[in-house]
C-alpha atoms as a PDB file:
ATOM      1  CA  MET A   1     101.472 114.531 128.076  1.00  0.00           C
ATOM      2  CA  LEU A   2     102.853 116.875 125.447  1.00  0.00           C
ATOM      3  CA  PHE A   3     100.526 117.935 122.642  1.00  0.00           C
ATOM      4  CA  TYR A   4     102.309 118.267 119.305  1.00  0.00           C
ATOM      5  CA  ILE A   5     101.107 121.102 117.057  1.00  0.00           C
ATOM      6  CA  LEU A   6     101.229 119.903 113.463  1.00  0.00           C
ATOM      7  CA  SER A   7     101.173 121.635 110.113  1.00  0.00           C
ATOM      8  CA  VAL A   8      98.297 120.937 107.753  1.00  0.00           C
ATOM      9  CA  GLN A   9      98.454 117.947 105.392  1.00  0.00           C
ATOM     10  CA  LYS A  10     101.483 116.153 106.767  1.00  0.00           C
ATOM     11  CA  GLN A  11     101.677 112.381 107.204  1.00  0.00           C
ATOM     12  CA  TYR A  12     103.261 110.513 110.103  1.00  0.00           C
ATOM     13  CA  THR A  13     104.059 106.881 110.847  1.00  0.00           C
ATOM     14  CA  ASP A  14     105.746 107.571 114.190  1.00  0.00           C
ATOM     15  CA  LEU A  15     102.919 106.877 116.638  1.00  0.00           C
ATOM     16  CA  THR A  16     104.971 107.456 119.803  1.00  0.00           C
ATOM     17  CA  LYS A  17     104.026 111.140 119.828  1.00  0.00           C
ATOM     18  CA  ASP A  18     100.698 112.425 121.136  1.00  0.00           C
ATOM     19  CA  PHE A  19      98.587 113.849 118.335  1.00  0.00           C
ATOM     20  CA  PHE A  20      95.573 114.957 120.405  1.00  0.00           C
ATOM     21  CA  ASN A  21      95.272 117.871 122.798  1.00  0.00           C
ATOM     22  CA  PRO A  22      94.396 116.194 126.136  1.00  0.00           C
ATOM     23  CA  ASP A  23      92.294 119.210 127.185  1.00  0.00           C
ATOM     24  CA  HIS A  24      90.114 119.177 124.058  1.00  0.00           C
ATOM     25  CA  VAL A  25      87.231 116.968 122.937  1.00  0.00           C
ATOM     26  CA  TYR A  26      86.875 115.408 119.495  1.00  0.00           C
ATOM     27  CA  GLN A  27      84.291 114.168 117.028  1.00  0.00           C
ATOM     28  CA  ILE A  28      84.949 110.743 115.471  1.00  0.00           C
ATOM     29  CA  ARG A  29      84.062 110.038 111.843  1.00  0.00           C
ATOM     30  CA  GLY A  30      83.963 106.837 109.822  1.00  0.00           C
ATOM     31  CA  LEU A  31      85.706 107.505 106.502  1.00  0.00           C
ATOM     32  CA  GLU A  32      85.529 105.780 103.103  1.00  0.00           C
ATOM     33  CA  THR A  33      86.788 106.249  99.549  1.00  0.00           C
ATOM     34  CA  PRO A  34      86.969 103.887  96.534  1.00  0.00           C
ATOM     35  CA  LEU A  35      89.777 101.330  96.915  1.00  0.00           C
ATOM     36  CA  PHE A  36      92.864 102.013  94.737  1.00  0.00           C
ATOM     37  CA  CYS A  37      91.018 105.175  93.720  1.00  0.00           C
ATOM     38  CA  ASP A  38      93.968 106.890  92.034  1.00  0.00           C
ATOM     39  CA  GLN A  39      94.837 103.748  90.057  1.00  0.00           C
ATOM     40  CA  VAL A  40      91.536 102.040  89.209  1.00  0.00           C
ATOM     41  CA  GLY A  41      88.877 104.228  90.810  1.00  0.00           C
ATOM     42  CA  MET A  42      86.334 103.869  87.991  1.00  0.00           C
ATOM     43  CA  LEU A  43      86.437 100.074  88.353  1.00  0.00           C
ATOM     44  CA  THR A  44      86.315  99.938  92.161  1.00  0.00           C
ATOM     45  CA  ARG A  45      83.457 102.454  92.238  1.00  0.00           C
ATOM     46  CA  LEU A  46      81.450 100.068  90.070  1.00  0.00           C
ATOM     47  CA  MET A  47      82.418  97.157  92.313  1.00  0.00           C
ATOM     48  CA  GLY A  48      81.581  99.149  95.466  1.00  0.00           C
ATOM     49  CA  VAL A  49      84.883  98.287  97.163  1.00  0.00           C
ATOM     50  CA  THR A  50      86.276 100.946  99.490  1.00  0.00           C
ATOM     51  CA  HIS A  51      89.269 101.980 101.545  1.00  0.00           C
ATOM     52  CA  ALA A  52      88.424 102.984 105.136  1.00  0.00           C
ATOM     53  CA  GLY A  53      89.815 105.062 107.985  1.00  0.00           C
ATOM     54  CA  LEU A  54      88.900 106.981 111.129  1.00  0.00           C
ATOM     55  CA  GLY A  55      88.725 110.775 111.298  1.00  0.00           C
ATOM     56  CA  PHE A  56      89.018 112.950 114.409  1.00  0.00           C
ATOM     57  CA  VAL A  57      87.842 116.581 114.423  1.00  0.00           C
ATOM     58  CA  ASP A  58      88.666 119.007 117.246  1.00  0.00           C
ATOM     59  CA  MET A  59      85.365 120.282 118.690  1.00  0.00           C
ATOM     60  CA  THR A  60      87.018 122.599 121.223  1.00  0.00           C
ATOM     61  CA  ASP A  61      89.002 124.589 118.683  1.00  0.00           C
ATOM     62  CA  PRO A  62      87.555 124.453 115.139  1.00  0.00           C
ATOM     63  CA  LYS A  63      90.792 125.971 113.787  1.00  0.00           C
ATOM     64  CA  ALA A  64      92.952 123.172 115.177  1.00  0.00           C
ATOM     65  CA  ASN A  65      94.143 120.292 113.051  1.00  0.00           C
ATOM     66  CA  SER A  66      91.893 117.312 112.348  1.00  0.00           C
ATOM     67  CA  PHE A  67      93.432 113.855 112.041  1.00  0.00           C
ATOM     68  CA  VAL A  68      92.991 110.705 109.981  1.00  0.00           C
ATOM     69  CA  PHE A  69      94.193 107.313 111.237  1.00  0.00           C
ATOM     70  CA  GLU A  70      94.325 104.640 108.546  1.00  0.00           C
ATOM     71  CA  TYR A  71      96.040 101.352 107.716  1.00  0.00           C
ATOM     72  CA  ASN A  72      97.452 101.964 104.276  1.00  0.00           C
ATOM     73  CA  VAL A  73     100.432 101.896 101.954  1.00  0.00           C
ATOM     74  CA  ALA A  74     103.352 103.699 103.583  1.00  0.00           C
ATOM     75  CA  PRO A  75     104.096 107.255 102.368  1.00  0.00           C
ATOM     76  CA  GLY A  76     106.431 107.257  99.384  1.00  0.00           C
ATOM     77  CA  TYR A  77     105.630 103.701  98.277  1.00  0.00           C
ATOM     78  CA  VAL A  78     104.522 103.496  94.637  1.00  0.00           C
ATOM     79  CA  LEU A  79     101.435 101.298  94.764  1.00  0.00           C
ATOM     80  CA  LYS A  80     100.718  98.497  92.317  1.00  0.00           C
ATOM     81  CA  PRO A  81      97.599  96.453  93.160  1.00  0.00           C
ATOM     82  CA  ILE A  82      99.420  93.201  92.286  1.00  0.00           C
ATOM     83  CA  ASP A  83     101.772  93.783  95.246  1.00  0.00           C
ATOM     84  CA  PHE A  84      98.916  92.972  97.641  1.00  0.00           C
ATOM     85  CA  PHE A  85      98.801  89.412  96.338  1.00  0.00           C
ATOM     86  CA  ARG A  86     102.324  88.137  95.726  1.00  0.00           C
ATOM     87  CA  PRO A  87     105.673  88.211  97.555  1.00  0.00           C
ATOM     88  CA  ARG A  88     109.131  88.489  96.066  1.00  0.00           C
ATOM     89  CA  THR A  89     111.129  85.256  96.307  1.00  0.00           C
ATOM     90  CA  VAL A  90     114.851  85.266  97.150  1.00  0.00           C
ATOM     91  CA  PHE A  91     116.985  82.150  97.576  1.00  0.00           C
ATOM     92  CA  ASN A  92     118.662  82.062 100.993  1.00  0.00           C
ATOM     93  CA  GLU A  93     122.131  80.506 100.774  1.00  0.00           C
ATOM     94  CA  SER A  94     122.221  79.865 104.530  1.00  0.00           C
ATOM     95  CA  THR A  95     118.927  77.967 104.799  1.00  0.00           C
ATOM     96  CA  GLN A  96     118.952  76.619 101.238  1.00  0.00           C
ATOM     97  CA  ILE A  97     115.288  77.550 100.809  1.00  0.00           C
ATOM     98  CA  TYR A  98     113.468  80.611  99.492  1.00  0.00           C
ATOM     99  CA  ASP A  99     112.539  83.644 101.557  1.00  0.00           C
ATOM    100  CA  PHE A 100     109.178  85.197 100.713  1.00  0.00           C
ATOM    101  CA  ILE A 101     109.454  88.963 101.037  1.00  0.00           C
ATOM    102  CA  TRP A 102     106.331  91.086 100.909  1.00  0.00           C
ATOM    103  CA  ASP A 103     107.588  94.343  99.448  1.00  0.00           C
ATOM    104  CA  LEU A 104     104.262  96.098  99.923  1.00  0.00           C
ATOM    105  CA  GLN A 105     105.061  98.621 102.618  1.00  0.00           C
ATOM    106  CA  VAL A 106     102.068  99.251 104.894  1.00  0.00           C
ATOM    107  CA  ALA A 107     101.725 101.227 108.080  1.00  0.00           C
ATOM    108  CA  VAL A 108      99.262 102.921 110.376  1.00  0.00           C
ATOM    109  CA  ILE A 109      99.410 106.440 108.993  1.00  0.00           C
ATOM    110  CA  VAL A 110      98.314 109.670 110.646  1.00  0.00           C
ATOM    111  CA  THR A 111      97.407 112.628 108.444  1.00  0.00           C
ATOM    112  CA  ASP A 112      96.681 116.006 110.014  1.00  0.00           C
ATOM    113  CA  PHE A 113      93.898 116.949 107.595  1.00  0.00           C
ATOM    114  CA  ILE A 114      90.642 115.265 106.492  1.00  0.00           C
ATOM    115  CA  ASN A 115      90.565 115.780 102.745  1.00  0.00           C
ATOM    116  CA  SER A 116      87.089 115.423 101.242  1.00  0.00           C
ATOM    117  CA  SER A 117      87.942 115.889  97.563  1.00  0.00           C
ATOM    118  CA  LYS A 118      87.543 113.227  94.868  1.00  0.00           C
ATOM    119  CA  CYS A 119      89.617 110.103  95.603  1.00  0.00           C
ATOM    120  CA  ALA A 120      90.129 111.398  99.146  1.00  0.00           C
ATOM    121  CA  TRP A 121      87.608 110.806 101.976  1.00  0.00           C
ATOM    122  CA  GLU A 122      84.469 111.130  99.865  1.00  0.00           C
ATOM    123  CA  THR A 123      82.199 109.592 102.531  1.00  0.00           C
ATOM    124  CA  GLN A 124      82.320 110.847 106.131  1.00  0.00           C
ATOM    125  CA  VAL A 125      79.864 109.796 108.844  1.00  0.00           C
ATOM    126  CA  VAL A 126      79.955 111.177 112.390  1.00  0.00           C
ATOM    127  CA  VAL A 127      79.838 108.202 114.776  1.00  0.00           C
ATOM    128  CA  ALA A 128      80.750 109.801 118.147  1.00  0.00           C
ATOM    129  CA  SER A 129      81.195 113.235 119.685  1.00  0.00           C
ATOM    130  CA  GLY A 130      82.765 114.739 122.788  1.00  0.00           C
ATOM    131  CA  VAL A 131      85.584 112.195 123.133  1.00  0.00           C
ATOM    132  CA  SER A 132      88.485 113.536 125.170  1.00  0.00           C
ATOM    133  CA  GLY A 133      91.917 113.959 123.661  1.00  0.00           C
ATOM    134  CA  LYS A 134      93.376 112.223 126.701  1.00  0.00           C
ATOM    135  CA  ILE A 135      91.444 109.057 125.842  1.00  0.00           C
ATOM    136  CA  LEU A 136      92.399 109.301 122.167  1.00  0.00           C
ATOM    137  CA  ASN A 137      96.097 109.641 122.993  1.00  0.00           C
ATOM    138  CA  ALA A 138      95.876 106.497 125.121  1.00  0.00           C
ATOM    139  CA  TRP A 139      93.975 104.686 122.322  1.00  0.00           C
ATOM    140  CA  GLN A 140      96.591 105.761 119.816  1.00  0.00           C
ATOM    141  CA  HIS A 141      99.371 104.164 121.857  1.00  0.00           C
ATOM    142  CA  ASP A 142      97.710 100.940 123.000  1.00  0.00           C
ATOM    143  CA  TYR A 143      95.680 100.232 119.849  1.00  0.00           C
ATOM    144  CA  ALA A 144      97.164 101.979 116.788  1.00  0.00           C
ATOM    145  CA  GLU A 145     100.768 101.229 117.774  1.00  0.00           C
ATOM    146  CA  TRP A 146      99.823  97.605 118.523  1.00  0.00           C
ATOM    147  CA  TYR A 147      98.119  97.217 115.136  1.00  0.00           C
ATOM    148  CA  ALA A 148     101.138  98.576 113.285  1.00  0.00           C
ATOM    149  CA  ARG A 149     103.468  96.146 115.083  1.00  0.00           C
ATOM    150  CA  THR A 150     101.188  93.125 114.783  1.00  0.00           C
ATOM    151  CA  PHE A 151     100.201  93.428 111.119  1.00  0.00           C
ATOM    152  CA  PRO A 152     103.226  94.350 108.981  1.00  0.00           C
ATOM    153  CA  TYR A 153     101.532  92.775 105.935  1.00  0.00           C
ATOM    154  CA  TYR A 154      98.241  93.751 104.349  1.00  0.00           C
ATOM    155  CA  THR A 155      96.070  90.629 103.922  1.00  0.00           C
ATOM    156  CA  ILE A 156      92.932  91.431 101.966  1.00  0.00           C
ATOM    157  CA  PHE A 157      91.338  88.033 101.345  1.00  0.00           C
ATOM    158  CA  GLU A 158      90.107  85.546 103.925  1.00  0.00           C
ATOM    159  CA  MET A 159      88.715  82.084 103.111  1.00  0.00           C
ATOM    160  CA  TRP A 160      84.995  81.537 103.781  1.00  0.00           C
ATOM    161  CA  PHE A 161      82.652  78.608 103.229  1.00  0.00           C
ATOM    162  CA  GLU A 162      79.897  79.770 100.900  1.00  0.00           C
ATOM    163  CA  ASP A 163      77.049  77.946 102.689  1.00  0.00           C
ATOM    164  CA  ASN A 164      77.210  79.983 105.910  1.00  0.00           C
ATOM    165  CA  HIS A 165      80.113  82.439 105.472  1.00  0.00           C
ATOM    166  CA  GLU A 166      82.115  80.677 108.188  1.00  0.00           C
ATOM    167  CA  ARG A 167      85.826  81.556 108.139  1.00  0.00           C
ATOM    168  CA  PHE A 168      88.081  78.571 107.479  1.00  0.00           C
ATOM    169  CA  ASP A 169      89.807  77.709 110.795  1.00  0.00           C
ATOM    170  CA  ASP A 170      88.653  81.131 112.079  1.00  0.00           C
ATOM    171  CA  LEU A 171      91.535  82.713 110.147  1.00  0.00           C
ATOM    172  CA  HIS A 172      91.221  86.483 109.889  1.00  0.00           C
ATOM    173  CA  GLY A 173      92.756  88.802 107.353  1.00  0.00           C
ATOM    174  CA  ASN A 174      93.881  92.300 108.199  1.00  0.00           C
ATOM    175  CA  GLN A 175      92.970  95.289 106.088  1.00  0.00           C
ATOM    176  CA  CYS A 176      91.803  98.871 106.416  1.00  0.00           C
ATOM    177  CA  HIS A 177      88.205  98.055 107.403  1.00  0.00           C
ATOM    178  CA  ASP A 178      89.462  95.750 110.161  1.00  0.00           C
ATOM    179  CA  PHE A 179      91.655  98.555 111.507  1.00  0.00           C
ATOM    180  CA  LYS A 180      88.714 100.980 111.530  1.00  0.00           C
ATOM    181  CA  TRP A 181      86.157  98.649 113.128  1.00  0.00           C
ATOM    182  CA  TRP A 182      88.504  97.051 115.672  1.00  0.00           C
ATOM    183  CA  GLY A 183      89.620 100.578 116.570  1.00  0.00           C
ATOM    184  CA  MET A 184      86.053 101.670 117.335  1.00  0.00           C
ATOM    185  CA  GLN A 185      85.425  98.493 119.324  1.00  0.00           C
ATOM    186  CA  HIS A 186      88.586  99.137 121.344  1.00  0.00           C
ATOM    187  CA  LEU A 187      87.419 102.669 122.136  1.00  0.00           C
ATOM    188  CA  GLN A 188      84.123 101.309 123.442  1.00  0.00           C
ATOM    189  CA  ASN A 189      85.417  98.236 125.282  1.00  0.00           C
ATOM    190  CA  THR A 190      88.504  99.783 126.859  1.00  0.00           C
ATOM    191  CA  TYR A 191      87.547 103.443 127.275  1.00  0.00           C
ATOM    192  CA  GLN A 192      83.726 103.258 127.357  1.00  0.00           C
ATOM    193  CA  VAL A 193      83.389 105.683 124.455  1.00  0.00           C
ATOM    194  CA  GLN A 194      79.691 105.998 123.571  1.00  0.00           C
ATOM    195  CA  PHE A 195      78.863 105.760 119.870  1.00  0.00           C
ATOM    196  CA  ASN A 196      75.712 107.263 118.377  1.00  0.00           C
ATOM    197  CA  GLY A 197      74.258 104.098 116.827  1.00  0.00           C
ATOM    198  CA  LYS A 198      74.595 105.166 113.209  1.00  0.00           C
ATOM    199  CA  GLU A 199      75.078 102.547 110.520  1.00  0.00           C
ATOM    200  CA  ILE A 200      78.144 102.596 108.298  1.00  0.00           C
ATOM    201  CA  HIS A 201      79.735 100.219 105.800  1.00  0.00           C
ATOM    202  CA  ARG A 202      82.263  97.455 106.330  1.00  0.00           C
ATOM    203  CA  ASP A 203      83.822  95.616 103.405  1.00  0.00           C
ATOM    204  CA  TYR A 204      84.615  91.907 103.542  1.00  0.00           C
ATOM    205  CA  MET A 205      86.749  90.127 100.963  1.00  0.00           C
ATOM    206  CA  TRP A 206      87.188  86.383 100.745  1.00  0.00           C
ATOM    207  CA  ASN A 207      87.851  83.344  98.607  1.00  0.00           C
ATOM    208  CA  ARG A 208      84.680  81.280  98.308  1.00  0.00           C
ATOM    209  CA  LEU A 209      85.105  77.668  99.472  1.00  0.00           C
ATOM    210  CA  THR A 210      82.635  74.866  98.775  1.00  0.00           C
ATOM    211  CA  ARG A 211      82.308  72.784 101.939  1.00  0.00           C
ATOM    212  CA  GLY A 212      83.394  69.197 101.367  1.00  0.00           C
ATOM    213  CA  LEU A 213      85.039  69.989  98.029  1.00  0.00           C
ATOM    214  CA  GLN A 214      87.677  72.577  98.898  1.00  0.00           C
ATOM    215  CA  THR A 215      89.769  72.200 102.054  1.00  0.00           C
ATOM    216  CA  PRO A 216      92.797  74.486 102.269  1.00  0.00           C
ATOM    217  CA  LYS A 217      96.070  72.754 103.122  1.00  0.00           C
ATOM    218  CA  ARG A 218      98.532  74.604 105.321  1.00  0.00           C
ATOM    219  CA  LEU A 219     101.992  74.690 103.792  1.00  0.00           C
ATOM    220  CA  ASN A 220     105.200  74.771 105.830  1.00  0.00           C
ATOM    221  CA  ALA A 221     107.333  77.510 104.306  1.00  0.00           C
ATOM    222  CA  THR A 222     110.444  76.074 106.004  1.00  0.00           C
ATOM    223  CA  ASP A 223     109.939  72.600 104.500  1.00  0.00           C
ATOM    224  CA  LYS A 224     111.922  72.332 101.260  1.00  0.00           C
ATOM    225  CA  ALA A 225     109.155  70.684  99.247  1.00  0.00           C
ATOM    226  CA  ASP A 226     106.442  73.109 100.444  1.00  0.00           C
ATOM    227  CA  ASN A 227     108.828  76.045 100.098  1.00  0.00           C
ATOM    228  CA  LEU A 228     109.558  75.161  96.465  1.00  0.00           C
ATOM    229  CA  PHE A 229     105.841  74.659  95.782  1.00  0.00           C
ATOM    230  CA  ILE A 230     105.035  78.164  97.090  1.00  0.00           C
ATOM    231  CA  LYS A 231     107.848  79.653  95.033  1.00  0.00           C
ATOM    232  CA  GLU A 232     106.740  77.913  91.836  1.00  0.00           C
ATOM    233  CA  PHE A 233     103.096  78.932  92.359  1.00  0.00           C
ATOM    234  CA  TYR A 234     104.046  82.609  92.600  1.00  0.00           C
ATOM    235  CA  ASP A 235     106.351  82.269  89.583  1.00  0.00           C
ATOM    236  CA  LYS A 236     103.371  81.075  87.525  1.00  0.00           C
ATOM    237  CA  PHE A 237     101.140  83.788  89.001  1.00  0.00           C
ATOM    238  CA  ASN A 238     103.671  86.499  88.129  1.00  0.00           C
ATOM    239  CA  LYS A 239     104.082  85.207  84.595  1.00  0.00           C
ATOM    240  CA  LYS A 240     100.325  85.539  84.034  1.00  0.00           C
ATOM    241  CA  ALA A 241      99.870  88.857  85.818  1.00  0.00           C
ATOM    242  CA  GLU A 242     102.960  91.024  85.609  1.00  0.00           C
ATOM    243  CA  ASN A 243     102.286  92.488  82.136  1.00  0.00           C
ATOM    244  CA  LEU A 244      98.628  93.297  82.790  1.00  0.00           C
ATOM    245  CA  SER A 245      97.429  96.831  83.379  1.00  0.00           C
ATOM    246  CA  ASP A 246      96.012  97.533  86.843  1.00  0.00           C
ATOM    247  CA  GLU A 247      92.460  97.361  85.464  1.00  0.00           C
ATOM    248  CA  GLU A 248      93.145  94.081  83.646  1.00  0.00           C
ATOM    249  CA  PHE A 249      94.759  92.612  86.748  1.00  0.00           C
ATOM    250  CA  ILE A 250      91.801  93.454  89.016  1.00  0.00           C
ATOM    251  CA  SER A 251      89.265  92.117  86.486  1.00  0.00           C
ATOM    252  CA  GLN A 252      91.128  88.863  85.769  1.00  0.00           C
ATOM    253  CA  PHE A 253      91.940  88.328  89.436  1.00  0.00           C
ATOM    254  CA  ARG A 254      88.306  88.558  90.476  1.00  0.00           C
ATOM    255  CA  ALA A 255      87.190  86.343  87.579  1.00  0.00           C
ATOM    256  CA  GLY A 256      89.636  83.646  88.679  1.00  0.00           C
ATOM    257  CA  LYS A 257      91.502  83.647  85.349  1.00  0.00           C
ATOM    258  CA  LEU A 258      94.907  84.026  87.032  1.00  0.00           C
ATOM    259  CA  PHE A 259      94.423  80.769  88.965  1.00  0.00           C
ATOM    260  CA  MET A 260      93.485  78.342  86.211  1.00  0.00           C
ATOM    261  CA  ASN A 261      95.797  75.337  86.093  1.00  0.00           C
ATOM    262  CA  GLY A 262      94.728  73.557  82.947  1.00  0.00           C
ATOM    263  CA  ALA A 263      91.248  73.375  81.437  1.00  0.00           C
ATOM    264  CA  HIS A 264      89.457  71.788  84.402  1.00  0.00           C
ATOM    265  CA  GLN A 265      91.389  72.780  87.506  1.00  0.00           C
ATOM    266  CA  SER A 266      92.198  75.915  89.479  1.00  0.00           C
ATOM    267  CA  GLU A 267      94.498  76.495  92.424  1.00  0.00           C
ATOM    268  CA  PHE A 268      95.799  79.305  94.585  1.00  0.00           C
ATOM    269  CA  VAL A 269      98.105  79.961  97.511  1.00  0.00           C
ATOM    270  CA  ASN A 270      96.922  82.473 100.110  1.00  0.00           C
ATOM    271  CA  MET A 271      98.937  83.918 102.984  1.00  0.00           C
ATOM    272  CA  LEU A 272      96.893  84.333 106.177  1.00  0.00           C
ATOM    273  CA  GLN A 273      98.243  85.071 109.656  1.00  0.00           C
ATOM    274  CA  HIS A 274     101.839  84.421 108.522  1.00  0.00           C
ATOM    275  CA  ASP A 275     101.069  80.946 107.090  1.00  0.00           C
ATOM    276  CA  TYR A 276     100.516  79.871 103.495  1.00  0.00           C
ATOM    277  CA  TYR A 277      97.468  77.836 102.437  1.00  0.00           C
ATOM    278  CA  HIS A 278      96.954  75.908  99.195  1.00  0.00           C
ATOM    279  CA  VAL A 279      93.568  75.225  97.622  1.00  0.00           C
ATOM    280  CA  VAL A 280      93.035  73.134  94.503  1.00  0.00           C
ATOM    281  CA  THR A 281      89.575  72.679  92.977  1.00  0.00           C
ATOM    282  CA  GLN A 282      87.766  71.445  89.904  1.00  0.00           C
ATOM    283  CA  GLU A 283      85.637  74.585  90.107  1.00  0.00           C
ATOM    284  CA  LYS A 284      86.537  78.108  89.129  1.00  0.00           C
ATOM    285  CA  ILE A 285      88.114  80.010  91.994  1.00  0.00           C
ATOM    286  CA  ILE A 286      85.796  82.797  93.083  1.00  0.00           C
ATOM    287  CA  TRP A 287      86.949  85.880  94.974  1.00  0.00           C
ATOM    288  CA  ASP A 288      84.054  87.726  96.564  1.00  0.00           C
ATOM    289  CA  PHE A 289      83.497  91.233  97.875  1.00  0.00           C
ATOM    290  CA  GLU A 290      80.621  92.126 100.155  1.00  0.00           C
ATOM    291  CA  THR A 291      79.677  95.372 101.798  1.00  0.00           C
ATOM    292  CA  LYS A 292      77.617  95.031 104.959  1.00  0.00           C
ATOM    293  CA  THR A 293      76.020  97.781 107.008  1.00  0.00           C
ATOM    294  CA  HIS A 294      76.617  97.616 110.771  1.00  0.00           C
ATOM    295  CA  VAL A 295      75.653  99.769 113.719  1.00  0.00           C
ATOM    296  CA  VAL A 296      78.891 101.234 115.097  1.00  0.00           C
ATOM    297  CA  PRO A 297      81.055 100.015 116.690  1.00  0.00           C
ATOM    298  CA  GLY A 298      79.843  96.571 115.565  1.00  0.00           C
ATOM    299  CA  THR A 299      81.274  93.172 116.478  1.00  0.00           C
ATOM    300  CA  ASP A 300      83.981  91.283 114.673  1.00  0.00           C
END
């Protein structure tokens, strides 16, 4: 397989090329930096919420390029945190219902440099060493390419019951920490890569459900009544949120203020695994973040 020699600090979303020298061995690093660091880094540092990736350092030739694989906003896209949480709605004349278009452009991105400066990869932990470039090229094609195809949308929040942290209907989100941890698990399970047993962080983000009081209802986006309901919910959400600064949006989102529907009721619509779910409650809607420490490569 051809090894492509890359210039320093370039980004790529074409994963069909081989990035690793098949005759070299690499060190693998777990990477973290504050989420939305360039936009609201002071706030997310206080919250302890991070963006994650995987780093690969050439151990055979220290002068060769290192690589970062991450699931992130596509190069050139101007990020607004609100774009993670609402689609654009466009009326389709053919179907006579609304299309929900998630403009947030995400991709599996490869960068040929591990930047350790502020708001770059501030935390780096070595989790494996001596992994062959041949294995990493195969992993890149059967895992990273698969992830990019399977998850075109970035879904941060899952729905968990607060009593035992059970996922509602076993519905999983997909975000940068999932990409990192599933990627390490794939390296172990498929290619028998041996990890060193170090502990690193994994962030979980979910809407807190009270068992027996809050049961999400799946909405059918192709049904006219459900379709209009989804559209009207996001219209109300946009009206409340679109003029907020990034810091105000993050703070009010987490506090549940953007989901209040009258004095004694809250509701939200969440997109998970390509379906939309509606929750209405007499309680305040709580969005939780939790950082857990796992021994790599962990279990999902």
